[in-house]
Amino acid sequence: MVGVVVVSHSPRAAKGIRDIAVEMGSSDTRIVVAGGDVSGGIGTDPNAIAEAITEAAGVSDDHRTQENNTEAGSTDEDDNPTQDEVDDVVLLVDLGSAVMNAELAIEMTTIDNTVRIADAPVLEGALNATVEASSSKATVESVVAAAEDAREYSKVDWVKRYCVAIVKSSRGL
């Protein structure tokens, strides 16, 4: 599987984007948000992004605690996730400074799987990424590609074509 992280300067925007992606896309995808700065204001926080990456990868706090216990001398490694149990992760970010903090967060994480930042509009990209990530055949590359396909959407042209089609249909044309 592939997890998705939405990074936004606004905590409310990040949660709203996640809600739309889950409602319109798929609730089967692990989609996590990291929004706002350390104090909950406008900004981004690399620590919160790193935590979101870890959560989206499917590494729970229990596994991280167990990992720390193993390092401290415990030998029960059966509870630690294997490489196959940890998901790849795709990040969608809203502004340029979020990219910098996302890159820093990627460096801070301890998971070995692939983490990529998609160069996509955050809302449309998150929707596409969520749908693609719900596929059993999804890869990090296919999820990034789906998110980045959203760059080509023209909302105005789509609405115009859709409205024209409705008018023609209602008039029997």
N, C-alpha and C. Protein backbone atom coordinates (compact mmCIF):
# COMPACT_ATOMS: atom_id res chain seq x y z
N MET A 1 0.83 -1.19 0.00
CA MET A 1 0.00 0.00 0.00
C MET A 1 0.87 1.25 0.00
N VAL A 2 0.21 2.36 -0.31
CA VAL A 2 0.87 3.66 -0.30
C VAL A 2 0.04 4.59 0.57
N GLY A 3 0.68 5.21 1.56
CA GLY A 3 0.01 6.19 2.39
C GLY A 3 0.16 7.57 1.80
N VAL A 4 -0.72 8.48 2.18
CA VAL A 4 -0.72 9.84 1.67
C VAL A 4 -0.68 10.81 2.84
N VAL A 5 0.16 11.85 2.71
CA VAL A 5 0.23 12.91 3.71
C VAL A 5 -0.09 14.24 3.04
N VAL A 6 -1.02 14.99 3.62
CA VAL A 6 -1.34 16.34 3.17
C VAL A 6 -0.66 17.32 4.10
N VAL A 7 0.19 18.17 3.53
CA VAL A 7 0.91 19.18 4.31
C VAL A 7 0.38 20.55 3.89
N SER A 8 -0.13 21.29 4.86
CA SER A 8 -0.65 22.62 4.57
C SER A 8 -0.23 23.59 5.66
N HIS A 9 -0.10 24.83 5.29
CA HIS A 9 0.19 25.88 6.27
C HIS A 9 -0.97 26.07 7.25
N SER A 10 -2.15 25.66 6.85
CA SER A 10 -3.34 25.83 7.68
C SER A 10 -3.82 24.47 8.18
N PRO A 11 -3.94 24.31 9.50
CA PRO A 11 -4.46 23.04 10.02
C PRO A 11 -5.86 22.74 9.50
N ARG A 12 -6.70 23.76 9.42
CA ARG A 12 -8.08 23.55 8.94
C ARG A 12 -8.10 23.19 7.46
N ALA A 13 -7.24 23.81 6.67
CA ALA A 13 -7.18 23.46 5.24
C ALA A 13 -6.73 22.02 5.07
N ALA A 14 -5.71 21.61 5.80
CA ALA A 14 -5.20 20.23 5.70
C ALA A 14 -6.30 19.23 6.03
N LYS A 15 -7.03 19.47 7.10
CA LYS A 15 -8.11 18.55 7.49
C LYS A 15 -9.24 18.57 6.46
N GLY A 16 -9.55 19.75 5.94
CA GLY A 16 -10.60 19.85 4.91
C GLY A 16 -10.22 19.11 3.63
N ILE A 17 -8.97 19.23 3.23
CA ILE A 17 -8.49 18.52 2.04
C ILE A 17 -8.59 17.02 2.27
N ARG A 18 -8.17 16.56 3.44
CA ARG A 18 -8.29 15.13 3.77
C ARG A 18 -9.75 14.69 3.72
N ASP A 19 -10.65 15.49 4.29
CA ASP A 19 -12.07 15.13 4.31
C ASP A 19 -12.62 14.99 2.90
N ILE A 20 -12.26 15.91 2.02
CA ILE A 20 -12.73 15.84 0.63
C ILE A 20 -12.15 14.62 -0.06
N ALA A 21 -10.87 14.37 0.13
CA ALA A 21 -10.22 13.22 -0.52
C ALA A 21 -10.84 11.90 -0.05
N VAL A 22 -11.16 11.81 1.23
CA VAL A 22 -11.78 10.59 1.75
C VAL A 22 -13.21 10.46 1.24
N GLU A 23 -13.96 11.55 1.25
CA GLU A 23 -15.37 11.52 0.83
C GLU A 23 -15.51 11.25 -0.66
N MET A 24 -14.74 11.93 -1.47
CA MET A 24 -14.87 11.81 -2.92
C MET A 24 -13.94 10.76 -3.52
N GLY A 25 -12.87 10.45 -2.80
CA GLY A 25 -11.88 9.52 -3.32
C GLY A 25 -12.05 8.14 -2.75
N SER A 26 -11.41 7.89 -1.63
CA SER A 26 -11.47 6.56 -1.03
C SER A 26 -11.17 6.64 0.45
N SER A 27 -11.97 5.95 1.21
CA SER A 27 -11.71 5.87 2.65
C SER A 27 -10.79 4.69 2.96
N ASP A 28 -10.38 3.94 1.92
CA ASP A 28 -9.50 2.79 2.11
C ASP A 28 -8.02 3.17 2.21
N THR A 29 -7.71 4.42 1.87
CA THR A 29 -6.32 4.88 1.86
C THR A 29 -5.98 5.48 3.21
N ARG A 30 -4.76 5.22 3.69
CA ARG A 30 -4.29 5.86 4.92
C ARG A 30 -3.85 7.27 4.52
N ILE A 31 -4.65 8.27 4.90
CA ILE A 31 -4.33 9.66 4.58
C ILE A 31 -4.23 10.44 5.88
N VAL A 32 -3.08 11.10 6.06
CA VAL A 32 -2.75 11.76 7.32
C VAL A 32 -2.45 13.22 7.01
N VAL A 33 -2.73 14.11 7.95
CA VAL A 33 -2.48 15.53 7.73
C VAL A 33 -1.41 16.05 8.67
N ALA A 34 -0.69 17.05 8.19
CA ALA A 34 0.25 17.82 9.00
C ALA A 34 0.01 19.27 8.62
N GLY A 35 -0.72 19.98 9.47
CA GLY A 35 -1.06 21.36 9.14
C GLY A 35 -0.72 22.31 10.27
N GLY A 36 -0.21 23.46 9.91
CA GLY A 36 0.09 24.49 10.89
C GLY A 36 1.48 24.38 11.48
N ASP A 37 1.84 25.43 12.18
CA ASP A 37 3.16 25.45 12.83
C ASP A 37 3.06 24.84 14.23
N VAL A 38 4.12 24.93 14.99
CA VAL A 38 4.19 24.30 16.31
C VAL A 38 3.09 24.80 17.23
N SER A 39 2.74 26.07 17.13
CA SER A 39 1.72 26.64 18.02
C SER A 39 0.32 26.52 17.44
N GLY A 40 0.16 25.86 16.31
CA GLY A 40 -1.16 25.71 15.71
C GLY A 40 -1.54 26.85 14.78
N GLY A 41 -0.62 27.78 14.57
CA GLY A 41 -0.88 28.89 13.66
C GLY A 41 -0.53 28.53 12.23
N ILE A 42 -0.49 29.54 11.39
CA ILE A 42 -0.17 29.35 9.98
C ILE A 42 1.33 29.06 9.83
N GLY A 43 1.64 27.99 9.14
CA GLY A 43 3.03 27.58 8.93
C GLY A 43 3.10 26.07 8.82
N THR A 44 4.31 25.54 8.78
CA THR A 44 4.49 24.09 8.76
C THR A 44 5.57 23.71 9.76
N ASP A 45 5.50 22.48 10.23
CA ASP A 45 6.41 22.00 11.27
C ASP A 45 7.03 20.68 10.80
N PRO A 46 8.35 20.65 10.59
CA PRO A 46 8.98 19.42 10.13
C PRO A 46 8.77 18.23 11.06
N ASN A 47 8.70 18.46 12.37
CA ASN A 47 8.46 17.36 13.30
C ASN A 47 7.07 16.76 13.10
N ALA A 48 6.08 17.61 12.93
CA ALA A 48 4.71 17.13 12.69
C ALA A 48 4.63 16.40 11.35
N ILE A 49 5.34 16.89 10.35
CA ILE A 49 5.35 16.24 9.04
C ILE A 49 6.02 14.86 9.16
N ALA A 50 7.12 14.78 9.89
CA ALA A 50 7.81 13.50 10.08
C ALA A 50 6.89 12.51 10.80
N GLU A 51 6.17 12.96 11.80
CA GLU A 51 5.22 12.08 12.50
C GLU A 51 4.12 11.61 11.56
N ALA A 52 3.63 12.52 10.70
CA ALA A 52 2.58 12.16 9.74
C ALA A 52 3.11 11.14 8.73
N ILE A 53 4.34 11.30 8.29
CA ILE A 53 4.94 10.33 7.37
C ILE A 53 4.99 8.95 8.02
N THR A 54 5.45 8.90 9.25
CA THR A 54 5.55 7.64 9.98
C THR A 54 4.17 7.00 10.14
N GLU A 55 3.18 7.81 10.49
CA GLU A 55 1.81 7.29 10.64
C GLU A 55 1.26 6.80 9.30
N ALA A 56 1.47 7.56 8.23
CA ALA A 56 0.99 7.16 6.91
C ALA A 56 1.67 5.89 6.43
N ALA A 57 2.89 5.66 6.89
CA ALA A 57 3.62 4.44 6.52
C ALA A 57 3.11 3.23 7.28
N GLY A 58 2.29 3.46 8.29
CA GLY A 58 1.73 2.36 9.05
C GLY A 58 2.56 1.94 10.24
N VAL A 59 3.50 2.79 10.62
CA VAL A 59 4.32 2.50 11.80
C VAL A 59 3.64 3.17 12.99
N SER A 60 3.10 2.35 13.88
CA SER A 60 2.35 2.89 15.01
C SER A 60 3.29 3.30 16.14
N ASP A 61 2.73 4.01 17.10
CA ASP A 61 3.51 4.37 18.28
C ASP A 61 3.98 3.12 19.01
N ASP A 62 3.14 2.06 19.02
CA ASP A 62 3.54 0.81 19.67
C ASP A 62 4.80 0.25 19.03
N HIS A 63 4.86 0.27 17.68
CA HIS A 63 6.03 -0.24 17.00
C HIS A 63 7.26 0.62 17.29
N ARG A 64 7.06 1.93 17.33
CA ARG A 64 8.20 2.79 17.62
C ARG A 64 8.68 2.58 19.05
N THR A 65 7.75 2.40 19.99
CA THR A 65 8.14 2.13 21.37
C THR A 65 8.88 0.81 21.44
N GLN A 66 8.38 -0.21 20.75
CA GLN A 66 9.04 -1.51 20.75
C GLN A 66 10.42 -1.40 20.14
N GLU A 67 10.54 -0.60 19.07
CA GLU A 67 11.84 -0.40 18.42
C GLU A 67 12.82 0.22 19.41
N ASN A 68 12.36 1.19 20.17
CA ASN A 68 13.22 1.82 21.17
C ASN A 68 13.61 0.82 22.25
N ASN A 69 12.66 -0.04 22.66
CA ASN A 69 12.97 -1.06 23.67
C ASN A 69 13.99 -2.06 23.15
N THR A 70 13.89 -2.40 21.86
CA THR A 70 14.84 -3.32 21.26
C THR A 70 16.23 -2.72 21.29
N GLU A 71 16.31 -1.43 20.99
CA GLU A 71 17.61 -0.76 21.02
C GLU A 71 18.16 -0.73 22.44
N ALA A 72 17.25 -0.69 23.42
CA ALA A 72 17.69 -0.62 24.82
C ALA A 72 18.04 -1.98 25.40
N GLY A 73 17.91 -3.05 24.58
CA GLY A 73 18.33 -4.36 25.07
C GLY A 73 17.27 -5.43 24.98
N SER A 74 16.01 -5.09 24.73
CA SER A 74 14.96 -6.09 24.57
C SER A 74 15.21 -6.85 23.28
N THR A 75 14.89 -8.14 23.27
CA THR A 75 15.15 -8.95 22.07
C THR A 75 13.88 -9.40 21.38
N ASP A 76 12.70 -8.91 21.78
CA ASP A 76 11.45 -9.32 21.15
C ASP A 76 11.23 -8.50 19.89
N GLU A 77 11.73 -9.02 18.78
CA GLU A 77 11.63 -8.29 17.52
C GLU A 77 10.41 -8.68 16.71
N ASP A 78 9.61 -9.66 17.18
CA ASP A 78 8.44 -10.12 16.43
C ASP A 78 7.39 -9.03 16.28
N ASP A 79 7.35 -8.06 17.17
CA ASP A 79 6.35 -7.02 17.11
C ASP A 79 6.75 -5.85 16.21
N ASN A 80 7.97 -5.81 15.76
CA ASN A 80 8.41 -4.73 14.89
C ASN A 80 7.92 -4.99 13.47
N PRO A 81 7.46 -3.94 12.77
CA PRO A 81 7.00 -4.16 11.40
C PRO A 81 8.17 -4.52 10.50
N THR A 82 7.92 -5.40 9.54
CA THR A 82 8.95 -5.74 8.57
C THR A 82 8.90 -4.71 7.45
N GLN A 83 9.88 -4.76 6.56
CA GLN A 83 9.93 -3.84 5.42
C GLN A 83 8.64 -3.94 4.60
N ASP A 84 8.10 -5.16 4.46
CA ASP A 84 6.89 -5.35 3.67
C ASP A 84 5.64 -4.81 4.35
N GLU A 85 5.68 -4.63 5.67
CA GLU A 85 4.53 -4.12 6.40
C GLU A 85 4.50 -2.59 6.46
N VAL A 86 5.59 -1.95 6.10
CA VAL A 86 5.67 -0.50 6.12
C VAL A 86 5.37 0.01 4.72
N ASP A 87 4.42 0.94 4.63
CA ASP A 87 4.01 1.45 3.34
C ASP A 87 4.92 2.56 2.85
N ASP A 88 4.98 2.69 1.51
CA ASP A 88 5.58 3.87 0.92
C ASP A 88 4.64 5.04 1.17
N VAL A 89 5.13 6.26 1.02
CA VAL A 89 4.33 7.44 1.35
C VAL A 89 4.51 8.51 0.28
N VAL A 90 3.40 9.17 -0.08
CA VAL A 90 3.43 10.31 -0.99
C VAL A 90 2.93 11.53 -0.23
N LEU A 91 3.68 12.62 -0.34
CA LEU A 91 3.30 13.88 0.31
C LEU A 91 2.77 14.85 -0.72
N LEU A 92 1.72 15.59 -0.34
CA LEU A 92 1.21 16.69 -1.14
C LEU A 92 1.31 17.95 -0.29
N VAL A 93 1.89 18.99 -0.84
CA VAL A 93 2.16 20.20 -0.07
C VAL A 93 1.50 21.41 -0.72
N ASP A 94 1.22 22.44 0.09
CA ASP A 94 0.49 23.59 -0.46
C ASP A 94 1.38 24.72 -0.98
N LEU A 95 2.50 24.99 -0.37
CA LEU A 95 3.34 26.12 -0.78
C LEU A 95 4.82 25.72 -0.71
N GLY A 96 5.66 26.53 -1.32
CA GLY A 96 7.08 26.24 -1.43
C GLY A 96 7.79 25.97 -0.12
N SER A 97 7.50 26.75 0.92
CA SER A 97 8.19 26.51 2.20
C SER A 97 7.77 25.19 2.81
N ALA A 98 6.58 24.70 2.48
CA ALA A 98 6.16 23.38 2.95
C ALA A 98 7.02 22.30 2.31
N VAL A 99 7.49 22.54 1.09
CA VAL A 99 8.38 21.59 0.42
C VAL A 99 9.68 21.48 1.22
N MET A 100 10.23 22.62 1.62
CA MET A 100 11.48 22.59 2.38
C MET A 100 11.33 21.82 3.69
N ASN A 101 10.24 22.09 4.41
CA ASN A 101 10.03 21.38 5.68
C ASN A 101 9.70 19.91 5.44
N ALA A 102 9.02 19.58 4.34
CA ALA A 102 8.74 18.18 4.01
C ALA A 102 10.04 17.44 3.70
N GLU A 103 10.94 18.09 2.97
CA GLU A 103 12.24 17.46 2.68
C GLU A 103 13.03 17.22 3.96
N LEU A 104 12.99 18.18 4.86
CA LEU A 104 13.66 18.02 6.15
C LEU A 104 13.02 16.87 6.94
N ALA A 105 11.69 16.80 6.93
CA ALA A 105 10.98 15.74 7.64
C ALA A 105 11.32 14.36 7.09
N ILE A 106 11.45 14.26 5.78
CA ILE A 106 11.81 12.99 5.16
C ILE A 106 13.17 12.53 5.69
N GLU A 107 14.09 13.47 5.80
CA GLU A 107 15.42 13.14 6.34
C GLU A 107 15.35 12.73 7.81
N MET A 108 14.37 13.23 8.53
CA MET A 108 14.24 12.95 9.96
C MET A 108 13.62 11.58 10.25
N THR A 109 12.87 11.03 9.30
CA THR A 109 12.18 9.77 9.55
C THR A 109 13.16 8.60 9.53
N THR A 110 12.75 7.54 10.19
CA THR A 110 13.60 6.36 10.28
C THR A 110 13.06 5.19 9.47
N ILE A 111 11.99 5.39 8.71
CA ILE A 111 11.48 4.30 7.89
C ILE A 111 12.35 4.14 6.66
N ASP A 112 12.44 2.92 6.16
CA ASP A 112 13.31 2.63 5.02
C ASP A 112 12.59 2.69 3.68
N ASN A 113 11.28 2.76 3.69
CA ASN A 113 10.55 2.75 2.43
C ASN A 113 10.61 4.11 1.75
N THR A 114 10.09 4.14 0.53
CA THR A 114 10.16 5.34 -0.29
C THR A 114 9.17 6.39 0.17
N VAL A 115 9.63 7.62 0.28
CA VAL A 115 8.78 8.77 0.59
C VAL A 115 9.06 9.80 -0.49
N ARG A 116 7.99 10.22 -1.19
CA ARG A 116 8.15 11.18 -2.29
C ARG A 116 7.20 12.35 -2.12
N ILE A 117 7.63 13.50 -2.58
CA ILE A 117 6.77 14.69 -2.63
C ILE A 117 6.25 14.81 -4.05
N ALA A 118 4.93 14.88 -4.21
CA ALA A 118 4.32 15.05 -5.52
C ALA A 118 4.27 16.54 -5.85
N ASP A 119 4.63 16.88 -7.07
CA ASP A 119 4.55 18.26 -7.55
C ASP A 119 3.16 18.45 -8.16
N ALA A 120 2.19 18.69 -7.28
CA ALA A 120 0.79 18.70 -7.70
C ALA A 120 0.00 19.73 -6.91
N PRO A 121 -1.12 20.18 -7.46
CA PRO A 121 -2.01 21.02 -6.65
C PRO A 121 -2.52 20.18 -5.48
N VAL A 122 -2.52 20.75 -4.31
CA VAL A 122 -2.72 19.95 -3.10
C VAL A 122 -4.10 19.30 -3.04
N LEU A 123 -5.17 19.99 -3.35
CA LEU A 123 -6.51 19.40 -3.23
C LEU A 123 -6.76 18.36 -4.32
N GLU A 124 -6.62 18.77 -5.58
CA GLU A 124 -6.87 17.85 -6.68
C GLU A 124 -5.87 16.69 -6.66
N GLY A 125 -4.62 17.00 -6.31
CA GLY A 125 -3.60 15.96 -6.22
C GLY A 125 -3.92 14.97 -5.12
N ALA A 126 -4.39 15.46 -3.97
CA ALA A 126 -4.74 14.57 -2.86
C ALA A 126 -5.91 13.67 -3.25
N LEU A 127 -6.87 14.21 -3.96
CA LEU A 127 -8.01 13.40 -4.40
C LEU A 127 -7.53 12.30 -5.34
N ASN A 128 -6.74 12.66 -6.35
CA ASN A 128 -6.21 11.66 -7.29
C ASN A 128 -5.34 10.63 -6.58
N ALA A 129 -4.46 11.11 -5.69
CA ALA A 129 -3.54 10.22 -4.98
C ALA A 129 -4.32 9.23 -4.12
N THR A 130 -5.36 9.70 -3.46
CA THR A 130 -6.16 8.85 -2.59
C THR A 130 -6.85 7.75 -3.38
N VAL A 131 -7.40 8.11 -4.53
CA VAL A 131 -8.06 7.11 -5.38
C VAL A 131 -7.03 6.08 -5.84
N GLU A 132 -5.91 6.53 -6.36
CA GLU A 132 -4.88 5.61 -6.87
C GLU A 132 -4.31 4.74 -5.76
N ALA A 133 -4.07 5.33 -4.59
CA ALA A 133 -3.47 4.58 -3.48
C ALA A 133 -4.39 3.49 -2.97
N SER A 134 -5.68 3.59 -3.23
CA SER A 134 -6.61 2.57 -2.76
C SER A 134 -6.54 1.29 -3.59
N SER A 135 -5.88 1.36 -4.74
CA SER A 135 -5.73 0.18 -5.59
C SER A 135 -4.71 -0.79 -4.99
N SER A 136 -5.00 -2.07 -5.08
CA SER A 136 -4.06 -3.07 -4.56
C SER A 136 -2.77 -3.10 -5.38
N LYS A 137 -2.80 -2.52 -6.57
CA LYS A 137 -1.62 -2.50 -7.44
C LYS A 137 -0.87 -1.17 -7.38
N ALA A 138 -1.28 -0.28 -6.48
CA ALA A 138 -0.67 1.04 -6.40
C ALA A 138 0.80 0.93 -5.99
N THR A 139 1.60 1.78 -6.60
CA THR A 139 3.00 1.94 -6.23
C THR A 139 3.22 3.41 -5.92
N VAL A 140 4.32 3.71 -5.28
CA VAL A 140 4.60 5.12 -5.00
C VAL A 140 4.67 5.91 -6.31
N GLU A 141 5.22 5.29 -7.36
CA GLU A 141 5.31 5.98 -8.66
C GLU A 141 3.93 6.24 -9.25
N SER A 142 3.02 5.26 -9.17
CA SER A 142 1.69 5.46 -9.75
C SER A 142 0.88 6.49 -8.96
N VAL A 143 1.09 6.55 -7.65
CA VAL A 143 0.37 7.53 -6.82
C VAL A 143 0.90 8.93 -7.10
N VAL A 144 2.21 9.07 -7.22
CA VAL A 144 2.79 10.38 -7.57
C VAL A 144 2.29 10.81 -8.95
N ALA A 145 2.29 9.89 -9.91
CA ALA A 145 1.84 10.22 -11.27
C ALA A 145 0.38 10.65 -11.26
N ALA A 146 -0.47 9.96 -10.52
CA ALA A 146 -1.89 10.33 -10.44
C ALA A 146 -2.05 11.71 -9.83
N ALA A 147 -1.30 11.98 -8.76
CA ALA A 147 -1.38 13.31 -8.14
C ALA A 147 -0.92 14.39 -9.11
N GLU A 148 0.18 14.13 -9.79
CA GLU A 148 0.74 15.13 -10.70
C GLU A 148 -0.11 15.32 -11.97
N ASP A 149 -0.92 14.33 -12.32
CA ASP A 149 -1.86 14.50 -13.44
C ASP A 149 -2.83 15.65 -13.17
N ALA A 150 -3.08 15.94 -11.91
CA ALA A 150 -4.01 17.00 -11.55
C ALA A 150 -3.53 18.38 -12.00
N ARG A 151 -2.24 18.50 -12.30
CA ARG A 151 -1.73 19.80 -12.79
C ARG A 151 -2.36 20.18 -14.11
N GLU A 152 -2.83 19.21 -14.86
CA GLU A 152 -3.37 19.44 -16.20
C GLU A 152 -4.86 19.77 -16.21
N TYR A 153 -5.52 19.70 -15.07
CA TYR A 153 -6.96 19.95 -15.03
C TYR A 153 -7.27 21.41 -15.29
N SER A 154 -8.24 21.65 -16.12
CA SER A 154 -8.75 23.00 -16.30
C SER A 154 -10.20 22.99 -15.81
N LYS A 155 -10.42 23.52 -14.65
CA LYS A 155 -11.76 23.50 -14.05
C LYS A 155 -12.76 24.27 -14.88
N VAL A 156 -12.34 25.43 -15.37
CA VAL A 156 -13.25 26.27 -16.13
C VAL A 156 -13.65 25.59 -17.44
N ASP A 157 -12.69 25.03 -18.17
CA ASP A 157 -13.01 24.35 -19.42
C ASP A 157 -13.90 23.14 -19.18
N TRP A 158 -13.64 22.40 -18.10
CA TRP A 158 -14.45 21.24 -17.79
C TRP A 158 -15.89 21.65 -17.52
N VAL A 159 -16.07 22.69 -16.72
CA VAL A 159 -17.42 23.17 -16.40
C VAL A 159 -18.13 23.63 -17.67
N LYS A 160 -17.42 24.36 -18.51
CA LYS A 160 -18.04 24.81 -19.76
C LYS A 160 -18.48 23.63 -20.61
N ARG A 161 -17.61 22.64 -20.79
CA ARG A 161 -17.96 21.46 -21.59
C ARG A 161 -19.12 20.71 -20.95
N TYR A 162 -19.11 20.57 -19.64
CA TYR A 162 -20.16 19.85 -18.93
C TYR A 162 -21.50 20.57 -19.09
N CYS A 163 -21.50 21.89 -18.92
CA CYS A 163 -22.75 22.67 -19.04
C CYS A 163 -23.29 22.63 -20.47
N VAL A 164 -22.41 22.74 -21.44
CA VAL A 164 -22.84 22.68 -22.85
C VAL A 164 -23.46 21.31 -23.13
N ALA A 165 -22.85 20.26 -22.63
CA ALA A 165 -23.37 18.91 -22.84
C ALA A 165 -24.76 18.76 -22.20
N ILE A 166 -24.96 19.33 -21.02
CA ILE A 166 -26.25 19.26 -20.35
C ILE A 166 -27.30 20.02 -21.15
N VAL A 167 -26.95 21.23 -21.61
CA VAL A 167 -27.90 22.03 -22.39
C VAL A 167 -28.27 21.30 -23.67
N LYS A 168 -27.28 20.78 -24.38
CA LYS A 168 -27.55 20.05 -25.63
C LYS A 168 -28.42 18.83 -25.35
N SER A 169 -28.14 18.14 -24.29
CA SER A 169 -28.90 16.94 -23.94
C SER A 169 -30.34 17.30 -23.62
N SER A 170 -30.54 18.37 -22.88
CA SER A 170 -31.91 18.77 -22.49
C SER A 170 -32.70 19.27 -23.68
N ARG A 171 -32.04 19.72 -24.71
CA ARG A 171 -32.71 20.23 -25.92
C ARG A 171 -32.78 19.15 -27.01
N GLY A 172 -32.25 17.99 -26.70
CA GLY A 172 -32.28 16.91 -27.67
C GLY A 172 -31.31 17.12 -28.83
N LEU A 173 -30.25 17.89 -28.62
CA LEU A 173 -29.28 18.13 -29.68
C LEU A 173 -28.18 17.12 -29.71
